[in-house]
Amino acid sequence: MSEKPVIDTELLQQYVDSLGVDGLKATLATFDGVIQEYAKLIHTAAKERKEEELRKQAHKVKGACSSVGLTELAEMMKRVEKETWEWPQVERWLIEWADAVIPHRQQIDAWLATHH
């Protein structure tokens, strides 16, 4: 795990300030649904070893994660999207990403519980 924060609390605070807590919760609920679909598409592209499709999906996931302040998850997808890699390496990255989604997302909920 890097030293950088895994969530962007400044962005989250901006959401709370402009949308309110309920607005942010609605945004997060949308993210939760979308990210599951994106994860399926990424898994399929990796399983079928379709590099171009995988990079395209990684771009979408990176944007979705960034949009709700999941900075570390977005960084992980940026590597998949932009860096040169071999399949075994990218498969490890995707497993690391998948393992991190729930705990990172829970950090937003924990932050929200104490910052409204």
C-alpha atoms as a PDB file:
ATOM      1  CA  MET A   1       0.000   0.000   0.000  1.00  0.00           C
ATOM      2  CA  SER A   2       1.371   3.422  -0.891  1.00  0.00           C
ATOM      3  CA  GLU A   3       1.805   6.296   1.539  1.00  0.00           C
ATOM      4  CA  LYS A   4      -0.777   8.393  -0.281  1.00  0.00           C
ATOM      5  CA  PRO A   5      -4.296   8.410   1.091  1.00  0.00           C
ATOM      6  CA  VAL A   6      -6.544   5.843  -0.553  1.00  0.00           C
ATOM      7  CA  ILE A   7      -9.471   8.280  -0.667  1.00  0.00           C
ATOM      8  CA  ASP A   8      -9.673  11.960  -1.592  1.00  0.00           C
ATOM      9  CA  THR A   9     -11.355  13.495   1.442  1.00  0.00           C
ATOM     10  CA  GLU A  10     -11.111  16.979  -0.059  1.00  0.00           C
ATOM     11  CA  LEU A  11     -13.240  15.884  -3.021  1.00  0.00           C
ATOM     12  CA  LEU A  12     -15.672  14.099  -0.705  1.00  0.00           C
ATOM     13  CA  GLN A  13     -16.021  17.250   1.396  1.00  0.00           C
ATOM     14  CA  GLN A  14     -16.788  19.248  -1.762  1.00  0.00           C
ATOM     15  CA  TYR A  15     -19.558  16.757  -2.572  1.00  0.00           C
ATOM     16  CA  VAL A  16     -20.991  17.070   0.937  1.00  0.00           C
ATOM     17  CA  ASP A  17     -20.803  20.878   0.706  1.00  0.00           C
ATOM     18  CA  SER A  18     -22.550  21.022  -2.665  1.00  0.00           C
ATOM     19  CA  LEU A  19     -24.838  17.947  -2.674  1.00  0.00           C
ATOM     20  CA  GLY A  20     -25.285  17.274   1.012  1.00  0.00           C
ATOM     21  CA  VAL A  21     -24.758  13.930   2.697  1.00  0.00           C
ATOM     22  CA  ASP A  22     -27.764  12.376   0.952  1.00  0.00           C
ATOM     23  CA  GLY A  23     -26.507  13.584  -2.417  1.00  0.00           C
ATOM     24  CA  LEU A  24     -23.115  12.019  -1.827  1.00  0.00           C
ATOM     25  CA  LYS A  25     -24.749   8.786  -0.659  1.00  0.00           C
ATOM     26  CA  ALA A  26     -26.825   8.707  -3.864  1.00  0.00           C
ATOM     27  CA  THR A  27     -23.673   9.261  -5.931  1.00  0.00           C
ATOM     28  CA  LEU A  28     -21.934   6.431  -4.085  1.00  0.00           C
ATOM     29  CA  ALA A  29     -24.913   4.121  -4.597  1.00  0.00           C
ATOM     30  CA  THR A  30     -24.709   4.787  -8.345  1.00  0.00           C
ATOM     31  CA  PHE A  31     -20.961   4.128  -8.259  1.00  0.00           C
ATOM     32  CA  ASP A  32     -21.500   0.829  -6.384  1.00  0.00           C
ATOM     33  CA  GLY A  33     -23.801  -0.416  -9.148  1.00  0.00           C
ATOM     34  CA  VAL A  34     -21.658   0.799 -12.035  1.00  0.00           C
ATOM     35  CA  ILE A  35     -18.373  -0.496 -10.653  1.00  0.00           C
ATOM     36  CA  GLN A  36     -19.734  -4.044 -10.428  1.00  0.00           C
ATOM     37  CA  GLU A  37     -20.608  -3.951 -14.122  1.00  0.00           C
ATOM     38  CA  TYR A  38     -17.227  -2.460 -15.030  1.00  0.00           C
ATOM     39  CA  ALA A  39     -15.458  -5.109 -12.941  1.00  0.00           C
ATOM     40  CA  LYS A  40     -17.263  -7.850 -14.902  1.00  0.00           C
ATOM     41  CA  LEU A  41     -16.189  -6.272 -18.207  1.00  0.00           C
ATOM     42  CA  ILE A  42     -12.581  -6.018 -17.022  1.00  0.00           C
ATOM     43  CA  HIS A  43     -12.599  -9.620 -15.841  1.00  0.00           C
ATOM     44  CA  THR A  44     -13.953 -10.794 -19.200  1.00  0.00           C
ATOM     45  CA  ALA A  45     -11.399  -8.771 -21.181  1.00  0.00           C
ATOM     46  CA  ALA A  46      -8.563 -10.166 -19.044  1.00  0.00           C
ATOM     47  CA  LYS A  47      -9.854 -13.733 -19.223  1.00  0.00           C
ATOM     48  CA  GLU A  48     -10.087 -13.476 -23.010  1.00  0.00           C
ATOM     49  CA  ARG A  49      -6.712 -11.680 -23.133  1.00  0.00           C
ATOM     50  CA  LYS A  50      -8.112  -8.753 -25.112  1.00  0.00           C
ATOM     51  CA  GLU A  51      -5.549  -6.069 -24.328  1.00  0.00           C
ATOM     52  CA  GLU A  52      -7.207  -3.170 -26.146  1.00  0.00           C
ATOM     53  CA  GLU A  53     -10.568  -3.880 -24.500  1.00  0.00           C
ATOM     54  CA  LEU A  54      -8.922  -4.250 -21.089  1.00  0.00           C
ATOM     55  CA  ARG A  55      -7.183  -0.892 -21.439  1.00  0.00           C
ATOM     56  CA  LYS A  56     -10.452   0.737 -22.546  1.00  0.00           C
ATOM     57  CA  GLN A  57     -12.332  -0.695 -19.562  1.00  0.00           C
ATOM     58  CA  ALA A  58      -9.498   0.299 -17.210  1.00  0.00           C
ATOM     59  CA  HIS A  59      -9.916   3.876 -18.434  1.00  0.00           C
ATOM     60  CA  LYS A  60     -13.624   3.811 -17.559  1.00  0.00           C
ATOM     61  CA  VAL A  61     -12.980   2.274 -14.143  1.00  0.00           C
ATOM     62  CA  LYS A  62     -10.248   4.841 -13.457  1.00  0.00           C
ATOM     63  CA  GLY A  63     -12.715   7.639 -14.187  1.00  0.00           C
ATOM     64  CA  ALA A  64     -15.454   6.101 -12.051  1.00  0.00           C
ATOM     65  CA  CYS A  65     -13.081   5.641  -9.108  1.00  0.00           C
ATOM     66  CA  SER A  66     -11.688   9.168  -9.451  1.00  0.00           C
ATOM     67  CA  SER A  67     -15.184  10.636  -9.565  1.00  0.00           C
ATOM     68  CA  VAL A  68     -15.957   9.404  -6.030  1.00  0.00           C
ATOM     69  CA  GLY A  69     -12.544  10.024  -4.509  1.00  0.00           C
ATOM     70  CA  LEU A  70     -11.129   6.487  -4.686  1.00  0.00           C
ATOM     71  CA  THR A  71      -7.676   7.752  -5.624  1.00  0.00           C
ATOM     72  CA  GLU A  72      -5.625   4.617  -5.016  1.00  0.00           C
ATOM     73  CA  LEU A  73      -8.051   2.428  -6.987  1.00  0.00           C
ATOM     74  CA  ALA A  74      -7.936   4.968  -9.829  1.00  0.00           C
ATOM     75  CA  GLU A  75      -4.118   4.903  -9.776  1.00  0.00           C
ATOM     76  CA  MET A  76      -4.149   1.108  -9.990  1.00  0.00           C
ATOM     77  CA  MET A  77      -6.366   1.273 -13.087  1.00  0.00           C
ATOM     78  CA  LYS A  78      -4.197   3.994 -14.610  1.00  0.00           C
ATOM     79  CA  ARG A  79      -1.320   1.491 -14.602  1.00  0.00           C
ATOM     80  CA  VAL A  80      -3.485  -1.116 -16.349  1.00  0.00           C
ATOM     81  CA  GLU A  81      -4.610   1.474 -18.886  1.00  0.00           C
ATOM     82  CA  LYS A  82      -1.305   3.173 -19.705  1.00  0.00           C
ATOM     83  CA  GLU A  83       1.727   1.118 -18.710  1.00  0.00           C
ATOM     84  CA  THR A  84       3.477  -1.620 -20.650  1.00  0.00           C
ATOM     85  CA  TRP A  85       2.777  -4.944 -18.989  1.00  0.00           C
ATOM     86  CA  GLU A  86       2.707  -8.689 -19.470  1.00  0.00           C
ATOM     87  CA  TRP A  87      -0.455 -10.723 -18.803  1.00  0.00           C
ATOM     88  CA  PRO A  88       0.718 -12.373 -15.542  1.00  0.00           C
ATOM     89  CA  GLN A  89       1.589  -8.931 -14.141  1.00  0.00           C
ATOM     90  CA  VAL A  90      -1.691  -7.279 -15.122  1.00  0.00           C
ATOM     91  CA  GLU A  91      -3.638 -10.231 -13.763  1.00  0.00           C
ATOM     92  CA  ARG A  92      -1.945  -9.698 -10.364  1.00  0.00           C
ATOM     93  CA  TRP A  93      -2.812  -5.992 -10.529  1.00  0.00           C
ATOM     94  CA  LEU A  94      -6.453  -6.802 -11.244  1.00  0.00           C
ATOM     95  CA  ILE A  95      -6.599  -9.179  -8.286  1.00  0.00           C
ATOM     96  CA  GLU A  96      -5.035  -6.516  -6.039  1.00  0.00           C
ATOM     97  CA  TRP A  97      -7.556  -3.984  -7.328  1.00  0.00           C
ATOM     98  CA  ALA A  98     -10.509  -6.310  -6.789  1.00  0.00           C
ATOM     99  CA  ASP A  99      -9.323  -7.103  -3.258  1.00  0.00           C
ATOM    100  CA  ALA A 100      -9.029  -3.368  -2.475  1.00  0.00           C
ATOM    101  CA  VAL A 101     -12.408  -2.171  -3.783  1.00  0.00           C
ATOM    102  CA  ILE A 102     -14.538  -3.048  -0.761  1.00  0.00           C
ATOM    103  CA  PRO A 103     -12.115  -1.903   1.968  1.00  0.00           C
ATOM    104  CA  HIS A 104     -11.402   1.351   0.115  1.00  0.00           C
ATOM    105  CA  ARG A 105     -15.101   1.953  -0.479  1.00  0.00           C
ATOM    106  CA  GLN A 106     -15.713   1.289   3.228  1.00  0.00           C
ATOM    107  CA  GLN A 107     -13.204   4.024   4.041  1.00  0.00           C
ATOM    108  CA  ILE A 108     -15.514   6.501   2.306  1.00  0.00           C
ATOM    109  CA  ASP A 109     -18.440   5.273   4.418  1.00  0.00           C
ATOM    110  CA  ALA A 110     -16.321   5.573   7.572  1.00  0.00           C
ATOM    111  CA  TRP A 111     -15.221   9.082   6.590  1.00  0.00           C
ATOM    112  CA  LEU A 112     -18.802  10.051   5.808  1.00  0.00           C
ATOM    113  CA  ALA A 113     -20.006   8.755   9.180  1.00  0.00           C
ATOM    114  CA  THR A 114     -17.682  11.179  10.969  1.00  0.00           C
ATOM    115  CA  HIS A 115     -17.710  14.199   8.603  1.00  0.00           C
ATOM    116  CA  HIS A 116     -21.215  15.469   8.048  1.00  0.00           C
END
